[in-house]
């Protein structure tokens, strides 16, 4: 009947929608909190650091740590901004999303 993914979706969707209703100022504060927690709790941190060290072999360990923190901040911002699109109307989307067409 229902698979595990469908059940997860129907259980999580109300919480995601409530997050999407938050104003951007609160959304970004929540994002900062989540990125801090993800960094501190080490969510896939070893993999992220390893990938960054391979991607930027000339960077120092301190620079890699800064990039790692910035990555977690970006990841949380992107996730919560994606949730926010559930409650944005067309006009707000046009104001906030800018599309660039390459000149090929």
PDB file of N, CA and C in Angstrom:
ATOM      1  N   UNK A   1       0.835  -1.182   0.000  1.00  0.00           N
ATOM      2  CA  UNK A   1       0.000   0.000   0.000  1.00  0.00           C
ATOM      3  C   UNK A   1       0.882   1.248   0.000  1.00  0.00           C
ATOM      4  N   UNK A   2       1.243   1.770   1.172  1.00  0.00           N
ATOM      5  CA  UNK A   2       2.164   2.904   1.253  1.00  0.00           C
ATOM      6  C   UNK A   2       3.572   2.388   1.455  1.00  0.00           C
ATOM      7  N   UNK A   3       4.498   3.032   0.804  1.00  0.00           N
ATOM      8  CA  UNK A   3       5.880   2.669   1.081  1.00  0.00           C
ATOM      9  C   UNK A   3       6.460   3.626   2.120  1.00  0.00           C
ATOM     10  N   UNK A   4       7.638   3.333   2.554  1.00  0.00           N
ATOM     11  CA  UNK A   4       8.278   4.099   3.623  1.00  0.00           C
ATOM     12  C   UNK A   4       8.494   5.560   3.244  1.00  0.00           C
ATOM     13  N   UNK A   5       8.858   5.817   1.989  1.00  0.00           N
ATOM     14  CA  UNK A   5       9.088   7.195   1.549  1.00  0.00           C
ATOM     15  C   UNK A   5       7.790   8.003   1.578  1.00  0.00           C
ATOM     16  N   UNK A   6       6.698   7.399   1.172  1.00  0.00           N
ATOM     17  CA  UNK A   6       5.417   8.101   1.185  1.00  0.00           C
ATOM     18  C   UNK A   6       5.006   8.438   2.608  1.00  0.00           C
ATOM     19  N   UNK A   7       5.186   7.513   3.509  1.00  0.00           N
ATOM     20  CA  UNK A   7       4.846   7.763   4.909  1.00  0.00           C
ATOM     21  C   UNK A   7       5.713   8.891   5.463  1.00  0.00           C
ATOM     22  N   UNK A   8       7.004   8.851   5.165  1.00  0.00           N
ATOM     23  CA  UNK A   8       7.908   9.915   5.623  1.00  0.00           C
ATOM     24  C   UNK A   8       7.481  11.263   5.073  1.00  0.00           C
ATOM     25  N   UNK A   9       7.125  11.283   3.800  1.00  0.00           N
ATOM     26  CA  UNK A   9       6.699  12.535   3.173  1.00  0.00           C
ATOM     27  C   UNK A   9       5.473  13.103   3.886  1.00  0.00           C
ATOM     28  N   UNK A  10       4.464  12.282   4.101  1.00  0.00           N
ATOM     29  CA  UNK A  10       3.231  12.761   4.717  1.00  0.00           C
ATOM     30  C   UNK A  10       3.426  13.146   6.182  1.00  0.00           C
ATOM     31  N   UNK A  11       4.397  12.569   6.843  1.00  0.00           N
ATOM     32  CA  UNK A  11       4.682  12.960   8.225  1.00  0.00           C
ATOM     33  C   UNK A  11       5.497  14.252   8.297  1.00  0.00           C
ATOM     34  N   UNK A  12       6.407  14.446   7.353  1.00  0.00           N
ATOM     35  CA  UNK A  12       7.288  15.614   7.381  1.00  0.00           C
ATOM     36  C   UNK A  12       6.696  16.846   6.702  1.00  0.00           C
ATOM     37  N   UNK A  13       5.816  16.651   5.744  1.00  0.00           N
ATOM     38  CA  UNK A  13       5.302  17.782   4.973  1.00  0.00           C
ATOM     39  C   UNK A  13       4.684  18.888   5.834  1.00  0.00           C
ATOM     40  N   UNK A  14       3.878  18.575   6.849  1.00  0.00           N
ATOM     41  CA  UNK A  14       3.320  19.667   7.666  1.00  0.00           C
ATOM     42  C   UNK A  14       4.403  20.509   8.353  1.00  0.00           C
ATOM     43  N   UNK A  15       5.476  19.879   8.804  1.00  0.00           N
ATOM     44  CA  UNK A  15       6.560  20.625   9.455  1.00  0.00           C
ATOM     45  C   UNK A  15       7.311  21.485   8.440  1.00  0.00           C
ATOM     46  N   UNK A  16       7.537  20.926   7.262  1.00  0.00           N
ATOM     47  CA  UNK A  16       8.208  21.693   6.206  1.00  0.00           C
ATOM     48  C   UNK A  16       7.347  22.898   5.816  1.00  0.00           C
ATOM     49  N   UNK A  17       6.049  22.698   5.699  1.00  0.00           N
ATOM     50  CA  UNK A  17       5.155  23.786   5.334  1.00  0.00           C
ATOM     51  C   UNK A  17       5.132  24.876   6.402  1.00  0.00           C
ATOM     52  N   UNK A  18       5.155  24.474   7.667  1.00  0.00           N
ATOM     53  CA  UNK A  18       5.205  25.466   8.755  1.00  0.00           C
ATOM     54  C   UNK A  18       6.492  26.277   8.700  1.00  0.00           C
ATOM     55  N   UNK A  19       7.593  25.624   8.394  1.00  0.00           N
ATOM     56  CA  UNK A  19       8.865  26.335   8.236  1.00  0.00           C
ATOM     57  C   UNK A  19       8.761  27.310   7.071  1.00  0.00           C
ATOM     58  N   UNK A  20       8.116  26.892   5.991  1.00  0.00           N
ATOM     59  CA  UNK A  20       7.974  27.740   4.805  1.00  0.00           C
ATOM     60  C   UNK A  20       7.142  28.986   5.085  1.00  0.00           C
ATOM     61  N   UNK A  21       6.290  28.937   6.086  1.00  0.00           N
ATOM     62  CA  UNK A  21       5.459  30.095   6.430  1.00  0.00           C
ATOM     63  C   UNK A  21       6.237  31.169   7.197  1.00  0.00           C
ATOM     64  N   UNK A  22       7.392  30.829   7.716  1.00  0.00           N
ATOM     65  CA  UNK A  22       8.184  31.794   8.485  1.00  0.00           C
ATOM     66  C   UNK A  22       8.683  32.917   7.586  1.00  0.00           C
ATOM     67  N   UNK A  23       8.790  34.133   8.127  1.00  0.00           N
ATOM     68  CA  UNK A  23       9.384  35.219   7.339  1.00  0.00           C
ATOM     69  C   UNK A  23      10.884  34.966   7.138  1.00  0.00           C
ATOM     70  N   UNK A  24      11.432  35.566   6.111  1.00  0.00           N
ATOM     71  CA  UNK A  24      12.834  35.321   5.778  1.00  0.00           C
ATOM     72  C   UNK A  24      13.784  35.634   6.933  1.00  0.00           C
ATOM     73  N   UNK A  25      13.503  36.680   7.699  1.00  0.00           N
ATOM     74  CA  UNK A  25      14.405  37.031   8.801  1.00  0.00           C
ATOM     75  C   UNK A  25      14.520  35.890   9.814  1.00  0.00           C
ATOM     76  N   UNK A  26      13.416  35.269  10.134  1.00  0.00           N
ATOM     77  CA  UNK A  26      13.441  34.141  11.077  1.00  0.00           C
ATOM     78  C   UNK A  26      13.997  32.906  10.391  1.00  0.00           C
ATOM     79  N   UNK A  27      13.691  32.728   9.125  1.00  0.00           N
ATOM     80  CA  UNK A  27      14.180  31.580   8.368  1.00  0.00           C
ATOM     81  C   UNK A  27      15.704  31.545   8.354  1.00  0.00           C
ATOM     82  N   UNK A  28      16.330  32.704   8.154  1.00  0.00           N
ATOM     83  CA  UNK A  28      17.790  32.744   8.114  1.00  0.00           C
ATOM     84  C   UNK A  28      18.409  32.553   9.502  1.00  0.00           C
ATOM     85  N   UNK A  29      17.729  32.976  10.525  1.00  0.00           N
ATOM     86  CA  UNK A  29      18.221  32.689  11.881  1.00  0.00           C
ATOM     87  C   UNK A  29      18.153  31.203  12.169  1.00  0.00           C
ATOM     88  N   UNK A  30      17.068  30.583  11.748  1.00  0.00           N
ATOM     89  CA  UNK A  30      16.933  29.138  11.888  1.00  0.00           C
ATOM     90  C   UNK A  30      18.022  28.427  11.082  1.00  0.00           C
ATOM     91  N   UNK A  31      18.299  28.938   9.911  1.00  0.00           N
ATOM     92  CA  UNK A  31      19.356  28.377   9.070  1.00  0.00           C
ATOM     93  C   UNK A  31      20.715  28.473   9.765  1.00  0.00           C
ATOM     94  N   UNK A  32      20.996  29.612  10.381  1.00  0.00           N
ATOM     95  CA  UNK A  32      22.255  29.772  11.113  1.00  0.00           C
ATOM     96  C   UNK A  32      22.368  28.761  12.251  1.00  0.00           C
ATOM     97  N   UNK A  33      21.268  28.563  12.972  1.00  0.00           N
ATOM     98  CA  UNK A  33      21.257  27.587  14.057  1.00  0.00           C
ATOM     99  C   UNK A  33      21.494  26.173  13.523  1.00  0.00           C
ATOM    100  N   UNK A  34      20.803  25.824  12.446  1.00  0.00           N
ATOM    101  CA  UNK A  34      20.967  24.494  11.868  1.00  0.00           C
ATOM    102  C   UNK A  34      22.384  24.268  11.347  1.00  0.00           C
ATOM    103  N   UNK A  35      22.952  25.266  10.701  1.00  0.00           N
ATOM    104  CA  UNK A  35      24.311  25.103  10.180  1.00  0.00           C
ATOM    105  C   UNK A  35      25.319  24.955  11.322  1.00  0.00           C
ATOM    106  N   UNK A  36      25.111  25.694  12.397  1.00  0.00           N
ATOM    107  CA  UNK A  36      25.981  25.558  13.570  1.00  0.00           C
ATOM    108  C   UNK A  36      25.887  24.142  14.130  1.00  0.00           C
ATOM    109  N   UNK A  37      24.657  23.649  14.272  1.00  0.00           N
ATOM    110  CA  UNK A  37      24.456  22.303  14.809  1.00  0.00           C
ATOM    111  C   UNK A  37      25.038  21.238  13.884  1.00  0.00           C
ATOM    112  N   UNK A  38      24.819  21.377  12.588  1.00  0.00           N
ATOM    113  CA  UNK A  38      25.351  20.398  11.643  1.00  0.00           C
ATOM    114  C   UNK A  38      26.863  20.372  11.672  1.00  0.00           C
ATOM    115  N   UNK A  39      27.469  21.547  11.769  1.00  0.00           N
ATOM    116  CA  UNK A  39      28.930  21.616  11.820  1.00  0.00           C
ATOM    117  C   UNK A  39      29.446  21.011  13.118  1.00  0.00           C
ATOM    118  N   UNK A  40      28.842  21.391  14.233  1.00  0.00           N
ATOM    119  CA  UNK A  40      29.288  20.898  15.542  1.00  0.00           C
ATOM    120  C   UNK A  40      29.043  19.408  15.724  1.00  0.00           C
ATOM    121  N   UNK A  41      27.894  18.940  15.249  1.00  0.00           N
ATOM    122  CA  UNK A  41      27.577  17.516  15.395  1.00  0.00           C
ATOM    123  C   UNK A  41      28.317  16.666  14.367  1.00  0.00           C
ATOM    124  N   UNK A  42      28.874  17.321  13.376  1.00  0.00           N
ATOM    125  CA  UNK A  42      29.731  16.622  12.421  1.00  0.00           C
ATOM    126  C   UNK A  42      28.996  15.868  11.339  1.00  0.00           C
ATOM    127  N   UNK A  43      27.833  16.376  10.915  1.00  0.00           N
ATOM    128  CA  UNK A  43      27.086  15.705   9.854  1.00  0.00           C
ATOM    129  C   UNK A  43      27.943  15.609   8.596  1.00  0.00           C
ATOM    130  N   UNK A  44      28.404  14.405   8.301  1.00  0.00           N
ATOM    131  CA  UNK A  44      29.245  14.107   7.136  1.00  0.00           C
ATOM    132  C   UNK A  44      30.487  14.995   7.062  1.00  0.00           C
ATOM    133  N   UNK A  45      30.946  15.441   8.200  1.00  0.00           N
ATOM    134  CA  UNK A  45      32.045  16.404   8.251  1.00  0.00           C
ATOM    135  C   UNK A  45      33.344  15.826   7.691  1.00  0.00           C
ATOM    136  N   UNK A  46      33.625  14.579   8.014  1.00  0.00           N
ATOM    137  CA  UNK A  46      34.858  13.971   7.503  1.00  0.00           C
ATOM    138  C   UNK A  46      34.847  13.918   5.980  1.00  0.00           C
ATOM    139  N   UNK A  47      33.709  13.610   5.397  1.00  0.00           N
ATOM    140  CA  UNK A  47      33.589  13.549   3.942  1.00  0.00           C
ATOM    141  C   UNK A  47      33.732  14.940   3.339  1.00  0.00           C
ATOM    142  N   UNK A  48      33.078  15.921   3.951  1.00  0.00           N
ATOM    143  CA  UNK A  48      33.155  17.303   3.451  1.00  0.00           C
ATOM    144  C   UNK A  48      34.598  17.795   3.508  1.00  0.00           C
ATOM    145  N   UNK A  49      35.261  17.584   4.631  1.00  0.00           N
ATOM    146  CA  UNK A  49      36.656  18.029   4.765  1.00  0.00           C
ATOM    147  C   UNK A  49      37.571  17.311   3.777  1.00  0.00           C
ATOM    148  N   UNK A  50      37.378  16.025   3.595  1.00  0.00           N
ATOM    149  CA  UNK A  50      38.193  15.264   2.650  1.00  0.00           C
ATOM    150  C   UNK A  50      37.994  15.786   1.225  1.00  0.00           C
ATOM    151  N   UNK A  51      36.746  16.016   0.858  1.00  0.00           N
ATOM    152  CA  UNK A  51      36.461  16.550  -0.480  1.00  0.00           C
ATOM    153  C   UNK A  51      37.065  17.933  -0.677  1.00  0.00           C
ATOM    154  N   UNK A  52      36.979  18.767   0.349  1.00  0.00           N
ATOM    155  CA  UNK A  52      37.552  20.114   0.244  1.00  0.00           C
ATOM    156  C   UNK A  52      39.075  20.068   0.137  1.00  0.00           C
ATOM    157  N   UNK A  53      39.698  19.171   0.883  1.00  0.00           N
ATOM    158  CA  UNK A  53      41.161  19.056   0.813  1.00  0.00           C
ATOM    159  C   UNK A  53      41.606  18.581  -0.566  1.00  0.00           C
ATOM    160  N   UNK A  54      40.828  17.705  -1.175  1.00  0.00           N
ATOM    161  CA  UNK A  54      41.164  17.256  -2.527  1.00  0.00           C
ATOM    162  C   UNK A  54      40.859  18.334  -3.569  1.00  0.00           C
ATOM    163  N   UNK A  55      39.836  19.119  -3.322  1.00  0.00           N
ATOM    164  CA  UNK A  55      39.459  20.168  -4.269  1.00  0.00           C
ATOM    165  C   UNK A  55      40.372  21.382  -4.195  1.00  0.00           C
ATOM    166  N   UNK A  56      40.888  21.660  -3.003  1.00  0.00           N
ATOM    167  CA  UNK A  56      41.749  22.826  -2.788  1.00  0.00           C
ATOM    168  C   UNK A  56      43.060  22.396  -2.119  1.00  0.00           C
ATOM    169  N   UNK A  57      43.922  21.704  -2.852  1.00  0.00           N
ATOM    170  CA  UNK A  57      45.145  21.173  -2.237  1.00  0.00           C
ATOM    171  C   UNK A  57      46.125  22.250  -1.759  1.00  0.00           C
ATOM    172  N   UNK A  58      46.011  23.456  -2.287  1.00  0.00           N
ATOM    173  CA  UNK A  58      46.939  24.505  -1.888  1.00  0.00           C
ATOM    174  C   UNK A  58      46.461  25.300  -0.672  1.00  0.00           C
ATOM    175  N   UNK A  59      45.240  25.067  -0.235  1.00  0.00           N
ATOM    176  CA  UNK A  59      44.686  25.795   0.918  1.00  0.00           C
ATOM    177  C   UNK A  59      45.205  25.185   2.218  1.00  0.00           C
ATOM    178  N   UNK A  60      45.364  26.049   3.221  1.00  0.00           N
ATOM    179  CA  UNK A  60      45.777  25.578   4.549  1.00  0.00           C
ATOM    180  C   UNK A  60      44.588  24.923   5.250  1.00  0.00           C
ATOM    181  N   UNK A  61      44.887  24.216   6.340  1.00  0.00           N
ATOM    182  CA  UNK A  61      43.813  23.563   7.094  1.00  0.00           C
ATOM    183  C   UNK A  61      42.830  24.582   7.658  1.00  0.00           C
ATOM    184  N   UNK A  62      43.341  25.731   8.080  1.00  0.00           N
ATOM    185  CA  UNK A  62      42.467  26.787   8.601  1.00  0.00           C
ATOM    186  C   UNK A  62      41.528  27.309   7.507  1.00  0.00           C
ATOM    187  N   UNK A  63      42.048  27.498   6.293  1.00  0.00           N
ATOM    188  CA  UNK A  63      41.220  27.948   5.181  1.00  0.00           C
ATOM    189  C   UNK A  63      40.166  26.897   4.817  1.00  0.00           C
ATOM    190  N   UNK A  64      40.552  25.640   4.880  1.00  0.00           N
ATOM    191  CA  UNK A  64      39.614  24.544   4.603  1.00  0.00           C
ATOM    192  C   UNK A  64      38.492  24.550   5.634  1.00  0.00           C
ATOM    193  N   UNK A  65      38.810  24.792   6.896  1.00  0.00           N
ATOM    194  CA  UNK A  65      37.787  24.850   7.953  1.00  0.00           C
ATOM    195  C   UNK A  65      36.798  25.990   7.705  1.00  0.00           C
ATOM    196  N   UNK A  66      37.301  27.129   7.253  1.00  0.00           N
ATOM    197  CA  UNK A  66      36.425  28.266   6.951  1.00  0.00           C
ATOM    198  C   UNK A  66      35.494  27.914   5.794  1.00  0.00           C
ATOM    199  N   UNK A  67      36.039  27.291   4.757  1.00  0.00           N
ATOM    200  CA  UNK A  67      35.221  26.877   3.619  1.00  0.00           C
ATOM    201  C   UNK A  67      34.186  25.847   4.067  1.00  0.00           C
ATOM    202  N   UNK A  68      34.570  24.956   4.959  1.00  0.00           N
ATOM    203  CA  UNK A  68      33.659  23.940   5.479  1.00  0.00           C
ATOM    204  C   UNK A  68      32.485  24.592   6.223  1.00  0.00           C
ATOM    205  N   UNK A  69      32.771  25.541   7.086  1.00  0.00           N
ATOM    206  CA  UNK A  69      31.705  26.250   7.798  1.00  0.00           C
ATOM    207  C   UNK A  69      30.794  26.986   6.814  1.00  0.00           C
ATOM    208  N   UNK A  70      31.396  27.617   5.820  1.00  0.00           N
ATOM    209  CA  UNK A  70      30.605  28.319   4.804  1.00  0.00           C
ATOM    210  C   UNK A  70      29.723  27.350   4.020  1.00  0.00           C
ATOM    211  N   UNK A  71      30.241  26.145   3.764  1.00  0.00           N
ATOM    212  CA  UNK A  71      29.453  25.138   3.064  1.00  0.00           C
ATOM    213  C   UNK A  71      28.204  24.775   3.861  1.00  0.00           C
ATOM    214  N   UNK A  72      28.358  24.537   5.157  1.00  0.00           N
ATOM    215  CA  UNK A  72      27.201  24.187   5.983  1.00  0.00           C
ATOM    216  C   UNK A  72      26.186  25.327   6.030  1.00  0.00           C
ATOM    217  N   UNK A  73      26.671  26.543   6.081  1.00  0.00           N
ATOM    218  CA  UNK A  73      25.780  27.701   6.064  1.00  0.00           C
ATOM    219  C   UNK A  73      25.010  27.760   4.743  1.00  0.00           C
ATOM    220  N   UNK A  74      25.724  27.567   3.645  1.00  0.00           N
ATOM    221  CA  UNK A  74      25.086  27.577   2.323  1.00  0.00           C
ATOM    222  C   UNK A  74      24.072  26.439   2.200  1.00  0.00           C
ATOM    223  N   UNK A  75      24.426  25.255   2.652  1.00  0.00           N
ATOM    224  CA  UNK A  75      23.539  24.099   2.562  1.00  0.00           C
ATOM    225  C   UNK A  75      22.227  24.354   3.304  1.00  0.00           C
ATOM    226  N   UNK A  76      22.310  24.886   4.498  1.00  0.00           N
ATOM    227  CA  UNK A  76      21.104  25.159   5.282  1.00  0.00           C
ATOM    228  C   UNK A  76      20.282  26.294   4.673  1.00  0.00           C
ATOM    229  N   UNK A  77      20.950  27.347   4.203  1.00  0.00           N
ATOM    230  CA  UNK A  77      20.233  28.434   3.523  1.00  0.00           C
ATOM    231  C   UNK A  77      19.478  27.897   2.310  1.00  0.00           C
ATOM    232  N   UNK A  78      20.151  27.120   1.501  1.00  0.00           N
ATOM    233  CA  UNK A  78      19.543  26.589   0.287  1.00  0.00           C
ATOM    234  C   UNK A  78      18.350  25.685   0.610  1.00  0.00           C
ATOM    235  N   UNK A  79      18.498  24.842   1.610  1.00  0.00           N
ATOM    236  CA  UNK A  79      17.414  23.932   1.987  1.00  0.00           C
ATOM    237  C   UNK A  79      16.193  24.701   2.465  1.00  0.00           C
ATOM    238  N   UNK A  80      16.392  25.654   3.360  1.00  0.00           N
ATOM    239  CA  UNK A  80      15.260  26.411   3.891  1.00  0.00           C
ATOM    240  C   UNK A  80      14.658  27.350   2.852  1.00  0.00           C
ATOM    241  N   UNK A  81      15.483  27.897   1.971  1.00  0.00           N
ATOM    242  CA  UNK A  81      14.947  28.720   0.885  1.00  0.00           C
ATOM    243  C   UNK A  81      14.102  27.869  -0.060  1.00  0.00           C
ATOM    244  N   UNK A  82      14.501  26.634  -0.270  1.00  0.00           N
ATOM    245  CA  UNK A  82      13.710  25.729  -1.095  1.00  0.00           C
ATOM    246  C   UNK A  82      12.368  25.449  -0.438  1.00  0.00           C
ATOM    247  N   UNK A  83      12.369  25.243   0.872  1.00  0.00           N
ATOM    248  CA  UNK A  83      11.104  25.075   1.597  1.00  0.00           C
ATOM    249  C   UNK A  83      10.229  26.320   1.422  1.00  0.00           C
ATOM    250  N   UNK A  84      10.836  27.484   1.473  1.00  0.00           N
ATOM    251  CA  UNK A  84      10.102  28.746   1.399  1.00  0.00           C
ATOM    252  C   UNK A  84       9.355  28.886   0.073  1.00  0.00           C
ATOM    253  N   UNK A  85       9.862  28.273  -0.983  1.00  0.00           N
ATOM    254  CA  UNK A  85       9.194  28.384  -2.279  1.00  0.00           C
ATOM    255  C   UNK A  85       7.795  27.764  -2.260  1.00  0.00           C
ATOM    256  N   UNK A  86       7.499  26.924  -1.286  1.00  0.00           N
ATOM    257  CA  UNK A  86       6.157  26.341  -1.173  1.00  0.00           C
ATOM    258  C   UNK A  86       5.091  27.406  -0.925  1.00  0.00           C
ATOM    259  N   UNK A  87       5.463  28.492  -0.270  1.00  0.00           N
ATOM    260  CA  UNK A  87       4.485  29.507   0.112  1.00  0.00           C
ATOM    261  C   UNK A  87       4.664  30.838  -0.627  1.00  0.00           C
ATOM    262  N   UNK A  88       5.568  30.889  -1.582  1.00  0.00           N
ATOM    263  CA  UNK A  88       5.793  32.128  -2.325  1.00  0.00           C
ATOM    264  C   UNK A  88       4.836  32.210  -3.509  1.00  0.00           C
ATOM    265  N   UNK A  89       4.309  33.416  -3.744  1.00  0.00           N
ATOM    266  CA  UNK A  89       3.476  33.597  -4.925  1.00  0.00           C
ATOM    267  C   UNK A  89       4.371  33.945  -6.120  1.00  0.00           C
ATOM    268  N   UNK A  90       3.770  34.039  -7.287  1.00  0.00           N
ATOM    269  CA  UNK A  90       4.529  34.269  -8.514  1.00  0.00           C
ATOM    270  C   UNK A  90       5.295  35.593  -8.472  1.00  0.00           C
ATOM    271  N   UNK A  91       4.680  36.632  -7.932  1.00  0.00           N
ATOM    272  CA  UNK A  91       5.325  37.941  -7.885  1.00  0.00           C
ATOM    273  C   UNK A  91       6.563  37.910  -6.992  1.00  0.00           C
ATOM    274  N   UNK A  92       6.438  37.306  -5.831  1.00  0.00           N
ATOM    275  CA  UNK A  92       7.592  37.222  -4.926  1.00  0.00           C
ATOM    276  C   UNK A  92       8.701  36.372  -5.537  1.00  0.00           C
ATOM    277  N   UNK A  93       8.334  35.334  -6.243  1.00  0.00           N
ATOM    278  CA  UNK A  93       9.330  34.503  -6.924  1.00  0.00           C
ATOM    279  C   UNK A  93      10.094  35.321  -7.960  1.00  0.00           C
ATOM    280  N   UNK A  94       9.377  36.136  -8.723  1.00  0.00           N
ATOM    281  CA  UNK A  94      10.024  36.967  -9.739  1.00  0.00           C
ATOM    282  C   UNK A  94      10.967  37.984  -9.104  1.00  0.00           C
ATOM    283  N   UNK A  95      10.585  38.508  -7.937  1.00  0.00           N
ATOM    284  CA  UNK A  95      11.428  39.489  -7.258  1.00  0.00           C
ATOM    285  C   UNK A  95      12.693  38.853  -6.679  1.00  0.00           C
ATOM    286  N   UNK A  96      12.606  37.615  -6.246  1.00  0.00           N
ATOM    287  CA  UNK A  96      13.710  36.986  -5.545  1.00  0.00           C
ATOM    288  C   UNK A  96      14.583  36.092  -6.404  1.00  0.00           C
ATOM    289  N   UNK A  97      14.050  35.576  -7.489  1.00  0.00           N
ATOM    290  CA  UNK A  97      14.790  34.645  -8.342  1.00  0.00           C
ATOM    291  C   UNK A  97      15.188  35.351  -9.628  1.00  0.00           C
ATOM    292  N   UNK A  98      16.456  35.332  -9.909  1.00  0.00           N
ATOM    293  CA  UNK A  98      16.976  35.972 -11.108  1.00  0.00           C
ATOM    294  C   UNK A  98      17.562  34.896 -12.014  1.00  0.00           C
ATOM    295  N   UNK A  99      17.096  34.875 -13.241  1.00  0.00           N
ATOM    296  CA  UNK A  99      17.563  33.901 -14.197  1.00  0.00           C
ATOM    297  C   UNK A  99      18.505  34.574 -15.184  1.00  0.00           C
ATOM    298  N   UNK A 100      19.606  33.920 -15.431  1.00  0.00           N
ATOM    299  CA  UNK A 100      20.588  34.443 -16.364  1.00  0.00           C
ATOM    300  C   UNK A 100      20.675  33.468 -17.530  1.00  0.00           C
ATOM    301  N   UNK A 101      20.444  33.981 -18.721  1.00  0.00           N
ATOM    302  CA  UNK A 101      20.535  33.160 -19.917  1.00  0.00           C
ATOM    303  C   UNK A 101      21.911  33.361 -20.517  1.00  0.00           C
ATOM    304  N   UNK A 102      22.662  32.288 -20.684  1.00  0.00           N
ATOM    305  CA  UNK A 102      24.004  32.450 -21.262  1.00  0.00           C
ATOM    306  C   UNK A 102      23.917  32.829 -22.744  1.00  0.00           C
ATOM    307  N   UNK A 103      24.888  33.597 -23.182  1.00  0.00           N
ATOM    308  CA  UNK A 103      24.965  33.995 -24.595  1.00  0.00           C
ATOM    309  C   UNK A 103      25.818  32.969 -25.335  1.00  0.00           C
ATOM    310  N   UNK A 104      25.183  31.905 -25.757  1.00  0.00           N
ATOM    311  CA  UNK A 104      25.940  30.856 -26.467  1.00  0.00           C
ATOM    312  C   UNK A 104      25.888  31.087 -27.899  1.00  0.00           C
TER     313      UNK A 104
END
